[in-house]
Amino acid sequence: MSALPFKLGLVAGNVGPDCITTVRSMPRLAEDLGFHSVWFTDHVIGLKIYRPVYRGEWAEALTAMTWAAATTSTIRIGVGVLVAPVRSAVYAAKVVATIDQLSGGRVDLGIGTGWAYREYEALGRAAIFEQRGPATDEALAVFQRCFEGGVFGFDGEFTSFKEIEFAPRPAQRPHPPYWIGGNSGRALRRAATWADVWHPARLTPRQMTELGEQLDDLAGRKVARSVRLAYTAETKDEVLSSIEDYADVGCEHVIIEIKADSTDQIAREAELMATRFRL
């Protein structure tokens, strides 16, 4: 890869009528093209409220990451972001730890609260929807303890259990990097506590600067910044020309989502991006 002032990641596109084909082929293509990371989006069901941003078909994100681990050797593999409260925290930690081991320590673990009540309802978690912020905070505490491994119990508001053993641990120590999503006050406090990387979406460079400074003050440290940007055919030039602006305000990672209807279209755009940024 060239010496860009940021690391460029690609969303694999585990959504839409071509989602399985895209998941099968895009991780290897992204690696061959020189992208630093490949990303998957976490939704389980289709909803009217997602449209026209997303279609109704979804390949499950953690399963897709496992495929990516098996078909690549060097590229980082991320989920942006895992909707932590809709899954058992211990089970999610087990899946993530397994993928990290299978990939040789290449997982980046995005974490967020989600926002769609119907998805919570469909997954049997409607009762905690209004408390999804605290539930996400507690899930991170469960992940952290699981990733330490060994024998332990946990007594929380949303997760409680007596003595269990958790092994194997993730390959990365002390844990896969936490990419904390969101830009609300609570999300910034969560990032201040947990983030290895702050991972908001759809913020302007000015907003990144202002909220990033708030985050650093809350954390008492400099928190690495990233941004996820999406483009369509109509917005492509505007979005891609803005990337250097994000790098200028300290974004170390830029993750690009190509809004297209087919695997072939995503692949063509990925190839053009690789050429444009001389990956």
Protein backbone atom coordinates (compact mmCIF):
# COMPACT_ATOMS: atom_id res chain seq x y z
CA MET A 1 0.00 0.00 0.00
CA SER A 2 1.05 3.58 -0.55
CA ALA A 3 1.85 5.90 2.31
CA LEU A 4 -1.60 7.42 2.69
CA PRO A 5 -2.21 9.59 5.77
CA PHE A 6 -5.06 7.24 6.68
CA LYS A 7 -5.94 3.56 6.38
CA LEU A 8 -8.67 2.81 3.88
CA GLY A 9 -11.30 0.19 4.58
CA LEU A 10 -14.10 -1.20 2.43
CA VAL A 11 -17.60 -2.26 3.51
CA ALA A 12 -18.17 -5.64 1.91
CA GLY A 13 -21.87 -5.14 1.25
CA ASN A 14 -23.56 -7.98 3.15
CA VAL A 15 -26.95 -6.51 2.15
CA GLY A 16 -29.22 -6.64 -0.87
CA PRO A 17 -30.15 -9.32 -3.39
CA ASP A 18 -26.48 -10.06 -4.13
CA CYS A 19 -25.42 -10.19 -0.47
CA ILE A 20 -24.20 -13.79 -0.48
CA THR A 21 -22.25 -13.35 -3.71
CA THR A 22 -20.72 -10.13 -2.38
CA VAL A 23 -19.68 -11.72 0.91
CA ARG A 24 -18.15 -14.65 -0.96
CA SER A 25 -15.98 -12.52 -3.21
CA MET A 26 -15.40 -9.09 -1.72
CA PRO A 27 -13.05 -9.87 1.20
CA ARG A 28 -10.50 -11.53 -1.08
CA LEU A 29 -10.84 -8.81 -3.70
CA ALA A 30 -10.40 -6.08 -1.06
CA GLU A 31 -7.25 -7.79 0.18
CA ASP A 32 -5.88 -8.20 -3.34
CA LEU A 33 -6.56 -4.54 -4.10
CA GLY A 34 -4.65 -3.39 -1.03
CA PHE A 35 -7.42 -2.20 1.29
CA HIS A 36 -6.42 -2.19 4.95
CA SER A 37 -9.71 -3.63 6.20
CA VAL A 38 -13.02 -5.14 5.10
CA TRP A 39 -16.22 -4.46 7.02
CA PHE A 40 -19.65 -5.97 7.55
CA THR A 41 -22.84 -4.27 8.72
CA ASP A 42 -24.89 -5.82 11.51
CA HIS A 43 -28.58 -6.20 10.76
CA VAL A 44 -30.41 -9.50 10.91
CA ILE A 45 -33.78 -8.71 9.35
CA GLY A 46 -35.17 -6.40 6.70
CA LEU A 47 -37.41 -3.54 7.79
CA LYS A 48 -39.38 -0.88 5.94
CA ILE A 49 -37.69 1.77 8.06
CA TYR A 50 -34.29 0.83 6.57
CA ARG A 51 -35.39 1.76 3.06
CA PRO A 52 -34.10 3.32 0.88
CA VAL A 53 -30.81 3.18 2.82
CA TYR A 54 -30.78 -0.62 2.85
CA ARG A 55 -32.64 -3.47 1.18
CA GLY A 56 -34.31 -6.28 3.06
CA GLU A 57 -31.83 -9.09 2.44
CA TRP A 58 -28.96 -9.52 4.92
CA ALA A 59 -26.10 -11.99 5.26
CA GLU A 60 -25.45 -12.27 9.00
CA ALA A 61 -22.39 -10.20 9.90
CA LEU A 62 -20.48 -12.49 12.26
CA THR A 63 -20.95 -15.45 9.94
CA ALA A 64 -19.70 -13.28 7.06
CA MET A 65 -16.63 -12.37 9.11
CA THR A 66 -15.88 -16.07 9.57
CA TRP A 67 -15.98 -16.53 5.80
CA ALA A 68 -13.67 -13.55 5.39
CA ALA A 69 -11.25 -15.06 7.90
CA ALA A 70 -11.17 -18.30 5.90
CA THR A 71 -10.68 -16.70 2.48
CA THR A 72 -8.07 -14.01 3.29
CA SER A 73 -4.74 -13.90 5.07
CA THR A 74 -3.74 -10.31 5.86
CA ILE A 75 -6.65 -7.87 5.67
CA ARG A 76 -8.30 -6.67 8.90
CA ILE A 77 -11.89 -7.89 9.36
CA GLY A 78 -14.38 -5.58 11.05
CA VAL A 79 -18.01 -5.38 12.06
CA GLY A 80 -19.32 -1.83 12.05
CA VAL A 81 -21.06 -1.88 14.34
CA LEU A 82 -22.21 -4.97 16.22
CA VAL A 83 -25.58 -4.21 17.82
CA ALA A 84 -24.47 -5.63 21.14
CA PRO A 85 -27.76 -5.74 23.11
CA VAL A 86 -29.64 -7.98 20.66
CA ARG A 87 -27.36 -10.94 21.39
CA SER A 88 -26.32 -12.79 24.51
CA ALA A 89 -23.12 -11.02 25.51
CA VAL A 90 -21.34 -14.27 26.42
CA TYR A 91 -22.35 -15.92 23.16
CA ALA A 92 -21.29 -12.91 21.10
CA ALA A 93 -17.95 -12.83 22.93
CA LYS A 94 -17.45 -16.51 22.12
CA VAL A 95 -18.15 -15.98 18.41
CA VAL A 96 -15.84 -12.97 18.22
CA ALA A 97 -13.05 -14.76 20.09
CA THR A 98 -13.37 -17.73 17.74
CA ILE A 99 -13.21 -15.55 14.62
CA ASP A 100 -10.20 -13.73 16.03
CA GLN A 101 -8.42 -17.04 16.60
CA LEU A 102 -9.35 -18.40 13.16
CA SER A 103 -8.19 -15.20 11.45
CA GLY A 104 -4.88 -15.06 13.30
CA GLY A 105 -5.86 -11.94 15.24
CA ARG A 106 -7.40 -9.74 12.55
CA VAL A 107 -10.78 -8.74 14.07
CA ASP A 108 -11.83 -5.14 14.70
CA LEU A 109 -14.91 -5.15 16.94
CA GLY A 110 -17.29 -2.27 16.34
CA ILE A 111 -19.88 -1.82 19.08
CA GLY A 112 -23.11 0.17 19.08
CA THR A 113 -26.63 0.21 20.45
CA GLY A 114 -28.71 -0.05 17.28
CA TRP A 115 -31.85 1.99 16.78
CA ALA A 116 -34.59 -0.19 15.26
CA TYR A 117 -37.20 -1.35 17.76
CA ARG A 118 -38.63 -3.92 15.35
CA GLU A 119 -35.28 -5.64 15.10
CA TYR A 120 -35.03 -5.86 18.88
CA GLU A 121 -38.59 -7.21 18.94
CA ALA A 122 -37.92 -9.83 16.26
CA LEU A 123 -34.85 -11.06 18.15
CA GLY A 124 -36.69 -11.35 21.45
CA ARG A 125 -35.06 -8.29 23.05
CA ALA A 126 -37.88 -5.74 22.91
CA ALA A 127 -37.97 -5.48 26.71
CA ILE A 128 -34.54 -3.85 26.83
CA PHE A 129 -34.91 -1.51 23.84
CA GLU A 130 -35.41 1.59 25.97
CA GLN A 131 -32.37 0.60 28.04
CA ARG A 132 -30.16 -0.28 25.11
CA GLY A 133 -27.52 2.29 26.14
CA PRO A 134 -26.91 0.78 29.59
CA ALA A 135 -27.25 -2.70 28.05
CA THR A 136 -24.48 -1.88 25.58
CA ASP A 137 -22.24 -0.60 28.36
CA GLU A 138 -22.78 -3.80 30.32
CA ALA A 139 -22.20 -5.96 27.24
CA LEU A 140 -18.77 -4.35 26.87
CA ALA A 141 -17.98 -5.23 30.48
CA VAL A 142 -19.03 -8.82 29.79
CA PHE A 143 -16.92 -8.95 26.62
CA GLN A 144 -13.93 -7.61 28.50
CA ARG A 145 -14.21 -10.19 31.26
CA CYS A 146 -14.75 -13.02 28.77
CA PHE A 147 -11.73 -11.95 26.75
CA GLU A 148 -9.59 -12.14 29.88
CA GLY A 149 -10.49 -15.83 29.99
CA GLY A 150 -10.51 -18.21 32.91
CA VAL A 151 -13.18 -18.98 35.47
CA PHE A 152 -15.53 -16.26 36.68
CA GLY A 153 -19.12 -15.17 37.33
CA PHE A 154 -20.94 -11.98 36.47
CA ASP A 155 -23.72 -10.15 38.28
CA GLY A 156 -25.23 -7.41 36.13
CA GLU A 157 -28.59 -5.90 35.29
CA PHE A 158 -28.88 -7.60 31.90
CA THR A 159 -26.43 -10.49 32.23
CA SER A 160 -25.94 -12.57 35.36
CA PHE A 161 -24.45 -16.01 35.79
CA LYS A 162 -22.50 -18.05 38.27
CA GLU A 163 -19.12 -19.56 37.66
CA ILE A 164 -18.24 -20.35 34.04
CA GLU A 165 -15.01 -20.93 32.14
CA PHE A 166 -14.25 -18.95 29.00
CA ALA A 167 -11.64 -20.28 26.58
CA PRO A 168 -10.04 -19.89 24.16
CA ARG A 169 -9.37 -16.20 24.48
CA PRO A 170 -9.04 -14.04 21.36
CA ALA A 171 -5.68 -14.14 19.62
CA GLN A 172 -5.27 -10.38 20.13
CA ARG A 173 -4.38 -9.36 23.65
CA PRO A 174 -5.88 -8.04 25.74
CA HIS A 175 -8.79 -8.07 23.26
CA PRO A 176 -9.70 -7.24 19.65
CA PRO A 177 -9.71 -3.46 19.24
CA TYR A 178 -12.99 -1.87 20.28
CA TRP A 179 -14.36 0.52 17.65
CA ILE A 180 -17.11 2.39 19.51
CA GLY A 181 -19.82 3.88 17.34
CA GLY A 182 -22.15 6.80 17.88
CA ASN A 183 -21.92 10.47 18.66
CA SER A 184 -24.55 11.09 21.34
CA GLY A 185 -23.48 12.13 24.81
CA ARG A 186 -23.77 8.58 26.12
CA ALA A 187 -21.96 7.17 23.09
CA LEU A 188 -19.07 9.60 23.65
CA ARG A 189 -18.87 8.56 27.32
CA ARG A 190 -18.85 4.92 26.21
CA ALA A 191 -16.07 5.65 23.73
CA ALA A 192 -14.12 7.54 26.40
CA THR A 193 -14.20 4.44 28.59
CA TRP A 194 -13.73 1.69 26.06
CA ALA A 195 -12.67 2.87 22.60
CA ASP A 196 -9.46 1.93 20.94
CA VAL A 197 -11.01 3.71 17.96
CA TRP A 198 -14.01 6.06 17.84
CA HIS A 199 -16.14 5.04 14.85
CA PRO A 200 -18.99 7.44 14.03
CA ALA A 201 -20.80 7.68 10.70
CA ARG A 202 -21.98 10.60 8.60
CA LEU A 203 -20.28 13.38 10.56
CA THR A 204 -18.72 16.36 8.82
CA PRO A 205 -15.03 17.06 9.38
CA ARG A 206 -15.99 20.00 11.60
CA GLN A 207 -18.24 17.78 13.70
CA MET A 208 -15.47 15.19 13.92
CA THR A 209 -13.17 17.87 15.31
CA GLU A 210 -15.64 19.30 17.81
CA LEU A 211 -16.93 15.98 19.11
CA GLY A 212 -13.46 14.42 18.99
CA GLU A 213 -12.16 17.15 21.29
CA GLN A 214 -15.04 16.48 23.69
CA LEU A 215 -14.20 12.78 23.57
CA ASP A 216 -10.52 13.34 24.31
CA ASP A 217 -11.47 15.55 27.27
CA LEU A 218 -13.80 12.89 28.63
CA ALA A 219 -11.22 10.14 28.12
CA GLY A 220 -8.22 12.07 29.40
CA ARG A 221 -6.32 10.69 26.43
CA LYS A 222 -6.17 10.97 22.67
CA VAL A 223 -8.67 8.51 21.18
CA ALA A 224 -7.97 7.35 17.63
CA ARG A 225 -10.63 8.51 15.18
CA SER A 226 -12.24 6.90 12.18
CA VAL A 227 -15.20 7.70 9.99
CA ARG A 228 -17.56 5.63 7.89
CA LEU A 229 -18.71 7.28 4.66
CA ALA A 230 -21.19 5.99 2.11
CA TYR A 231 -21.67 7.02 -1.49
CA THR A 232 -24.01 6.41 -4.39
CA ALA A 233 -23.29 7.07 -8.04
CA GLU A 234 -24.68 10.58 -7.54
CA THR A 235 -22.61 11.41 -4.46
CA LYS A 236 -19.41 9.55 -5.31
CA ASP A 237 -17.22 12.48 -6.37
CA GLU A 238 -18.31 14.63 -3.43
CA VAL A 239 -17.66 11.89 -0.88
CA LEU A 240 -14.32 10.71 -2.25
CA SER A 241 -13.03 14.25 -2.60
CA SER A 242 -13.85 14.85 1.09
CA ILE A 243 -11.65 12.03 2.39
CA GLU A 244 -8.55 14.17 2.70
CA ASP A 245 -10.57 16.63 4.80
CA TYR A 246 -11.24 13.84 7.28
CA ALA A 247 -7.58 12.87 7.31
CA ASP A 248 -6.72 16.53 7.99
CA VAL A 249 -8.83 16.51 11.17
CA GLY A 250 -7.18 13.37 12.49
CA CYS A 251 -9.14 10.42 11.10
CA GLU A 252 -6.67 7.54 11.01
CA HIS A 253 -9.17 5.24 9.31
CA VAL A 254 -11.71 5.94 6.57
CA ILE A 255 -14.23 3.18 5.88
CA ILE A 256 -16.10 3.45 2.58
CA GLU A 257 -19.48 1.91 1.87
CA ILE A 258 -20.41 1.70 -1.81
CA LYS A 259 -24.17 1.87 -2.31
CA ALA A 260 -24.72 -0.31 -5.37
CA ASP A 261 -27.20 -2.95 -6.49
CA SER A 262 -24.83 -5.75 -7.47
CA THR A 263 -21.56 -7.42 -6.56
CA ASP A 264 -20.13 -6.47 -9.95
CA GLN A 265 -20.85 -2.78 -9.35
CA ILE A 266 -19.26 -2.85 -5.90
CA ALA A 267 -16.22 -4.65 -7.32
CA ARG A 268 -15.79 -2.11 -10.12
CA GLU A 269 -16.02 0.78 -7.68
CA ALA A 270 -13.54 -0.90 -5.32
CA GLU A 271 -11.07 -1.29 -8.19
CA LEU A 272 -11.48 2.37 -9.14
CA MET A 273 -10.93 3.41 -5.53
CA ALA A 274 -7.78 1.32 -5.30
CA THR A 275 -6.46 3.06 -8.39
CA ARG A 276 -7.50 6.50 -7.20
CA PHE A 277 -5.74 6.12 -3.85
CA ARG A 278 -2.84 4.10 -5.28
CA LEU A 279 -3.30 1.22 -2.86
